[in-house]
Amino acid sequence: MSLNEILLVCAALIPAIVLCVYVFIKDRVEKEPIGLLLLLFGLGVVSCFPAAEVEGWLIGAIDEFFAGYGTLVDGTVLLPDDIYKIYNAVKCVFGIALVEEGFKFLFMFFVTRNNKNFNSLFDGIIYSVFVSLGFAAYENVMYVLEYGWQTAIMRAFMSVPGHMFFAVIMGYYYSLWHMSCKARDIERNLKSKNLITKNAPEFSGKSYMAMCLVMPIVVHGIYDYCCFAGTTFMTVVLYLFVIFLYIYCFGKIRKFSKIDSSDTAFANYMVLKKYPLLEAAVNDYLARTGKDTVSADNVL
């Protein structure tokens, strides 16, 4: 490997490493084990390979389907403008975004869903970001080695942060799913003690789990659609969209870092907010059972 290629690899890796360090620093309540984070980063790299295989197959199938609506000119199928827009949307959302975000999610979910370290509000974001930046790092090395320094500079500010932004959105909903499941378990415990009515609707994480996949797929699909549209207008839309994601996602990281707390404390907060008279009922229960009367925050 030449010196230029070594420098290109370094340039390709630095954006992902810098963003990983930034998110790690923002994990305020309890730092995640370095081994777990390195595993997630590595699995992000591994996820590139099945994603590439499935993407190739799906995009081939999409190309074949839309070929019937085009005209063959010098070996290339040309689509009418309105059909091309539909084709571009289908390819970006179902051929690329669904596959890449889906594999990232699967690797993250199966490693972390029952992990004992998944115990605070910020954890969902840091897990998702490390998987996604592992994916982005490997992908970036491949692109930069092929296309050079101009691509390295452009992708450092666009594609690599883009993958992190998709991950922040995924991790946000992943954390809320975890908290909702924790709050549901507390509710069931309270129902068993007759502290809340057994018919009370329980917290459900289903909608958060759905959004955990749907939202990053949609955002990723919009990003890629703008990239592949090939018009000046859509290029401007792309840059504005990326600026919005910078503001929104870094804001979300700062907010979750600021309010970060243990999953037990946050789930207790969710339950107490849903049942504002619960603390008095809990204290009365403790008094009747001969235990010390303490805040509901400590016993739910």
Protein backbone atom coordinates (compact mmCIF):
# COMPACT_ATOMS: atom_id res chain seq x y z
CA MET A 1 0.00 0.00 0.00
CA SER A 2 1.41 3.39 -1.01
CA LEU A 3 1.80 6.35 1.35
CA ASN A 4 -1.06 8.13 -0.41
CA GLU A 5 -3.35 5.14 0.13
CA ILE A 6 -2.40 4.95 3.83
CA LEU A 7 -3.21 8.65 4.20
CA LEU A 8 -6.51 8.15 2.38
CA VAL A 9 -7.48 5.32 4.75
CA CYS A 10 -6.65 7.55 7.73
CA ALA A 11 -8.70 10.38 6.23
CA ALA A 12 -11.59 7.98 5.70
CA LEU A 13 -11.50 6.67 9.29
CA ILE A 14 -10.98 9.94 11.16
CA PRO A 15 -14.56 11.31 10.78
CA ALA A 16 -16.10 8.11 12.21
CA ILE A 17 -13.58 7.97 15.06
CA VAL A 18 -14.11 11.64 15.97
CA LEU A 19 -17.88 11.19 16.06
CA CYS A 20 -17.59 8.03 18.16
CA VAL A 21 -15.40 9.86 20.68
CA TYR A 22 -17.85 12.78 20.77
CA VAL A 23 -20.83 10.53 21.53
CA PHE A 24 -18.80 8.54 24.08
CA ILE A 25 -17.98 11.77 25.94
CA LYS A 26 -21.67 12.70 25.97
CA ASP A 27 -22.54 9.43 27.75
CA ARG A 28 -22.74 11.17 31.11
CA VAL A 29 -24.32 8.86 33.70
CA GLU A 30 -22.38 5.62 33.22
CA LYS A 31 -19.77 5.00 30.55
CA GLU A 32 -20.41 1.93 28.44
CA PRO A 33 -17.71 -0.78 28.45
CA ILE A 34 -15.12 -0.14 25.75
CA GLY A 35 -15.26 -3.81 24.76
CA LEU A 36 -18.99 -3.61 24.08
CA LEU A 37 -18.62 -0.44 22.02
CA LEU A 38 -15.75 -1.91 19.98
CA LEU A 39 -17.88 -5.01 19.39
CA LEU A 40 -20.75 -2.86 18.13
CA PHE A 41 -18.40 -0.86 15.90
CA GLY A 42 -16.97 -4.09 14.51
CA LEU A 43 -20.45 -5.49 13.90
CA GLY A 44 -21.23 -2.31 11.99
CA VAL A 45 -18.32 -3.15 9.70
CA VAL A 46 -19.52 -6.76 9.38
CA SER A 47 -23.03 -5.59 8.52
CA CYS A 48 -21.69 -3.99 5.33
CA PHE A 49 -21.20 -7.41 3.73
CA PRO A 50 -24.71 -8.92 3.98
CA ALA A 51 -26.14 -5.46 3.28
CA ALA A 52 -24.15 -5.23 0.03
CA GLU A 53 -25.34 -8.67 -1.07
CA VAL A 54 -29.00 -7.95 -0.37
CA GLU A 55 -28.78 -4.45 -1.86
CA GLY A 56 -27.30 -5.85 -5.06
CA TRP A 57 -30.10 -8.38 -5.39
CA LEU A 58 -32.89 -5.92 -4.56
CA ILE A 59 -31.62 -3.12 -6.80
CA GLY A 60 -31.23 -5.63 -9.63
CA ALA A 61 -34.85 -6.69 -9.15
CA ILE A 62 -36.01 -3.05 -9.04
CA ASP A 63 -34.01 -2.23 -12.19
CA GLU A 64 -35.53 -5.20 -13.99
CA PHE A 65 -39.06 -4.21 -12.97
CA PHE A 66 -38.72 -0.59 -14.11
CA ALA A 67 -36.90 -1.53 -17.33
CA GLY A 68 -40.28 -2.33 -18.85
CA TYR A 69 -41.26 1.34 -18.56
CA GLY A 70 -38.17 2.68 -20.30
CA THR A 71 -36.54 2.86 -23.69
CA LEU A 72 -33.29 1.07 -24.54
CA VAL A 73 -30.74 3.50 -26.01
CA ASP A 74 -27.18 2.32 -26.70
CA GLY A 75 -27.50 -0.40 -24.09
CA THR A 76 -28.90 1.91 -21.41
CA VAL A 77 -32.54 1.98 -20.27
CA LEU A 78 -33.85 5.55 -20.23
CA LEU A 79 -36.93 6.23 -18.10
CA PRO A 80 -39.42 9.09 -18.51
CA ASP A 81 -38.94 11.77 -15.84
CA ASP A 82 -42.03 10.89 -13.83
CA ILE A 83 -41.19 7.17 -13.86
CA TYR A 84 -37.57 7.89 -12.95
CA LYS A 85 -38.68 9.79 -9.85
CA ILE A 86 -40.71 6.79 -8.71
CA TYR A 87 -37.85 4.44 -9.55
CA ASN A 88 -35.38 6.60 -7.61
CA ALA A 89 -37.67 6.69 -4.56
CA VAL A 90 -38.23 2.91 -4.59
CA LYS A 91 -34.52 2.20 -5.02
CA CYS A 92 -33.43 4.62 -2.30
CA VAL A 93 -36.00 3.61 0.29
CA PHE A 94 -36.41 -0.13 -0.30
CA GLY A 95 -33.22 -1.02 -2.15
CA ILE A 96 -30.77 0.91 0.04
CA ALA A 97 -32.16 2.52 3.21
CA LEU A 98 -34.30 -0.43 4.31
CA VAL A 99 -31.42 -2.86 3.84
CA GLU A 100 -28.68 -0.81 5.48
CA GLU A 101 -30.72 0.43 8.44
CA GLY A 102 -32.29 -2.99 8.83
CA PHE A 103 -28.97 -4.79 9.17
CA LYS A 104 -27.58 -2.13 11.51
CA PHE A 105 -30.66 -2.50 13.70
CA LEU A 106 -30.49 -6.30 13.77
CA PHE A 107 -26.85 -6.37 14.87
CA MET A 108 -27.48 -3.71 17.52
CA PHE A 109 -30.72 -5.25 18.81
CA PHE A 110 -29.52 -8.81 19.27
CA VAL A 111 -26.36 -7.72 21.09
CA THR A 112 -27.85 -5.06 23.36
CA ARG A 113 -31.56 -5.74 24.00
CA ASN A 114 -30.89 -7.91 27.08
CA ASN A 115 -27.42 -6.59 27.87
CA LYS A 116 -26.99 -5.65 31.53
CA ASN A 117 -25.22 -2.46 30.47
CA PHE A 118 -28.33 -1.19 28.69
CA ASN A 119 -29.46 0.65 31.79
CA SER A 120 -29.74 4.37 31.04
CA LEU A 121 -31.53 6.74 28.71
CA PHE A 122 -28.52 7.63 26.55
CA ASP A 123 -27.47 4.02 25.92
CA GLY A 124 -29.77 3.47 22.94
CA ILE A 125 -28.16 6.38 21.10
CA ILE A 126 -24.57 5.37 21.80
CA TYR A 127 -25.21 1.74 20.78
CA SER A 128 -26.87 2.74 17.53
CA VAL A 129 -24.22 5.33 16.70
CA PHE A 130 -21.30 2.93 17.19
CA VAL A 131 -22.87 0.28 14.93
CA SER A 132 -23.73 2.86 12.29
CA LEU A 133 -20.29 4.50 12.35
CA GLY A 134 -18.65 1.09 11.98
CA PHE A 135 -20.72 0.67 8.83
CA ALA A 136 -19.88 4.20 7.69
CA ALA A 137 -16.16 3.79 8.36
CA TYR A 138 -15.79 0.69 6.19
CA GLU A 139 -17.98 2.14 3.44
CA ASN A 140 -16.00 5.38 3.54
CA VAL A 141 -12.65 3.60 3.19
CA MET A 142 -13.91 1.81 0.07
CA TYR A 143 -15.18 5.01 -1.55
CA VAL A 144 -12.18 7.11 -0.64
CA LEU A 145 -9.64 4.57 -1.91
CA GLU A 146 -11.49 4.46 -5.22
CA TYR A 147 -12.24 8.16 -5.74
CA GLY A 148 -9.55 10.02 -3.80
CA TRP A 149 -9.18 13.14 -1.70
CA GLN A 150 -12.10 15.16 -2.99
CA THR A 151 -14.44 12.32 -2.04
CA ALA A 152 -12.72 12.01 1.36
CA ILE A 153 -13.39 15.66 2.14
CA MET A 154 -16.99 15.64 0.90
CA ARG A 155 -17.94 12.43 2.70
CA ALA A 156 -16.33 13.64 5.95
CA PHE A 157 -19.00 16.32 6.20
CA MET A 158 -21.89 14.56 4.46
CA SER A 159 -22.05 10.76 4.32
CA VAL A 160 -20.31 9.79 7.57
CA PRO A 161 -22.24 12.31 9.71
CA GLY A 162 -25.32 11.24 7.74
CA HIS A 163 -24.97 7.67 8.99
CA MET A 164 -24.60 9.02 12.52
CA PHE A 165 -27.75 11.12 12.11
CA PHE A 166 -29.74 8.07 11.01
CA ALA A 167 -28.35 6.28 14.07
CA VAL A 168 -29.29 9.07 16.48
CA ILE A 169 -32.88 8.84 15.27
CA MET A 170 -32.83 5.05 15.61
CA GLY A 171 -31.20 5.18 19.03
CA TYR A 172 -33.65 7.80 20.30
CA TYR A 173 -36.61 5.51 19.66
CA TYR A 174 -34.64 2.45 20.81
CA SER A 175 -34.07 4.09 24.20
CA LEU A 176 -37.74 5.04 24.48
CA TRP A 177 -38.69 1.45 23.64
CA HIS A 178 -36.46 0.20 26.44
CA MET A 179 -37.87 2.73 28.89
CA SER A 180 -41.45 1.86 27.97
CA CYS A 181 -40.78 -1.84 28.57
CA LYS A 182 -39.22 -0.98 31.94
CA ALA A 183 -42.22 1.20 32.86
CA ARG A 184 -44.60 -1.60 31.82
CA ASP A 185 -42.84 -4.01 34.18
CA ILE A 186 -43.24 -1.49 37.02
CA GLU A 187 -46.94 -1.14 36.20
CA ARG A 188 -47.41 -4.89 36.37
CA ASN A 189 -45.67 -4.98 39.74
CA LEU A 190 -47.97 -2.24 41.01
CA LYS A 191 -51.02 -4.06 39.70
CA SER A 192 -49.98 -7.17 41.60
CA LYS A 193 -50.02 -5.06 44.80
CA ASN A 194 -53.39 -3.51 43.88
CA LEU A 195 -51.83 -0.05 43.87
CA ILE A 196 -53.30 0.68 40.45
CA THR A 197 -56.35 -0.80 38.79
CA LYS A 198 -55.70 -4.03 36.95
CA ASN A 199 -57.63 -2.70 33.94
CA ALA A 200 -55.33 0.29 33.47
CA PRO A 201 -53.77 0.31 29.98
CA GLU A 202 -50.08 -0.49 30.20
CA PHE A 203 -47.11 1.22 28.64
CA SER A 204 -46.25 -0.29 25.30
CA GLY A 205 -42.98 -0.08 23.41
CA LYS A 206 -44.45 -1.33 20.12
CA SER A 207 -44.84 2.08 18.52
CA TYR A 208 -41.31 3.09 19.56
CA MET A 209 -39.92 -0.15 18.14
CA ALA A 210 -41.70 0.51 14.85
CA MET A 211 -40.39 4.10 14.74
CA CYS A 212 -36.92 2.79 15.58
CA LEU A 213 -36.84 1.28 12.09
CA VAL A 214 -39.27 3.40 10.08
CA MET A 215 -37.86 6.85 10.87
CA PRO A 216 -34.17 6.20 10.06
CA ILE A 217 -35.25 4.38 6.88
CA VAL A 218 -37.34 7.37 5.79
CA VAL A 219 -34.61 9.90 6.61
CA HIS A 220 -31.94 7.75 4.92
CA GLY A 221 -34.22 7.32 1.91
CA ILE A 222 -34.75 11.08 1.58
CA TYR A 223 -30.99 11.66 1.83
CA ASP A 224 -30.21 9.13 -0.90
CA TYR A 225 -33.09 10.31 -3.10
CA CYS A 226 -31.66 13.83 -3.09
CA CYS A 227 -28.18 12.46 -3.84
CA PHE A 228 -29.32 10.43 -6.87
CA ALA A 229 -31.86 12.90 -8.27
CA GLY A 230 -29.18 14.60 -10.33
CA THR A 231 -30.73 18.09 -10.42
CA THR A 232 -29.48 21.39 -9.06
CA PHE A 233 -32.69 21.88 -7.11
CA MET A 234 -32.41 18.52 -5.33
CA THR A 235 -28.74 19.18 -4.58
CA VAL A 236 -29.76 22.37 -2.79
CA VAL A 237 -32.49 20.42 -0.96
CA LEU A 238 -29.86 17.85 0.06
CA TYR A 239 -27.58 20.48 1.61
CA LEU A 240 -30.47 22.12 3.45
CA PHE A 241 -31.63 18.70 4.67
CA VAL A 242 -28.14 17.87 5.97
CA ILE A 243 -27.94 21.23 7.77
CA PHE A 244 -31.29 20.47 9.41
CA LEU A 245 -30.01 17.01 10.48
CA TYR A 246 -26.86 18.57 11.97
CA ILE A 247 -28.96 20.92 14.08
CA TYR A 248 -31.64 18.37 15.03
CA CYS A 249 -29.42 15.38 15.80
CA PHE A 250 -26.65 17.16 17.67
CA GLY A 251 -29.42 18.88 19.61
CA LYS A 252 -30.96 15.49 20.41
CA ILE A 253 -27.58 14.17 21.60
CA ARG A 254 -27.07 17.18 23.88
CA LYS A 255 -30.61 16.94 25.26
CA PHE A 256 -30.43 13.21 26.01
CA SER A 257 -26.99 13.67 27.55
CA LYS A 258 -28.31 16.44 29.79
CA ILE A 259 -31.37 14.50 31.02
CA ASP A 260 -29.63 11.13 31.09
CA SER A 261 -30.59 8.94 34.01
CA SER A 262 -30.80 5.28 34.92
CA ASP A 263 -33.56 3.29 33.25
CA THR A 264 -35.14 2.56 36.65
CA ALA A 265 -35.29 6.23 37.60
CA PHE A 266 -36.60 7.29 34.21
CA ALA A 267 -39.20 4.51 34.11
CA ASN A 268 -40.32 5.50 37.63
CA TYR A 269 -40.71 9.07 36.37
CA MET A 270 -42.82 7.82 33.46
CA VAL A 271 -45.09 5.85 35.80
CA LEU A 272 -45.46 8.68 38.32
CA LYS A 273 -46.27 11.10 35.52
CA LYS A 274 -48.98 8.74 34.26
CA TYR A 275 -50.38 8.13 37.76
CA PRO A 276 -49.93 11.42 39.69
CA LEU A 277 -51.62 10.07 42.86
CA LEU A 278 -49.46 6.96 42.93
CA GLU A 279 -46.78 8.15 45.34
CA ALA A 280 -49.29 8.64 48.15
CA ALA A 281 -50.75 5.18 47.43
CA VAL A 282 -47.29 3.60 47.56
CA ASN A 283 -46.44 5.29 50.84
CA ASP A 284 -49.76 4.15 52.31
CA TYR A 285 -49.03 0.59 51.14
CA LEU A 286 -45.61 0.64 52.77
CA ALA A 287 -47.09 1.94 56.02
CA ARG A 288 -49.78 -0.76 56.04
CA THR A 289 -47.21 -3.49 55.45
CA GLY A 290 -45.02 -2.28 58.30
CA LYS A 291 -42.19 -1.00 56.11
CA ASP A 292 -40.51 2.37 56.23
CA THR A 293 -42.33 5.09 54.33
CA VAL A 294 -40.09 6.29 51.56
CA SER A 295 -40.47 8.13 48.30
CA ALA A 296 -42.13 6.22 45.50
CA ASP A 297 -39.05 6.98 43.39
CA ASN A 298 -37.21 4.38 45.46
CA VAL A 299 -39.72 1.57 45.48
CA LEU A 300 -41.62 1.40 42.19
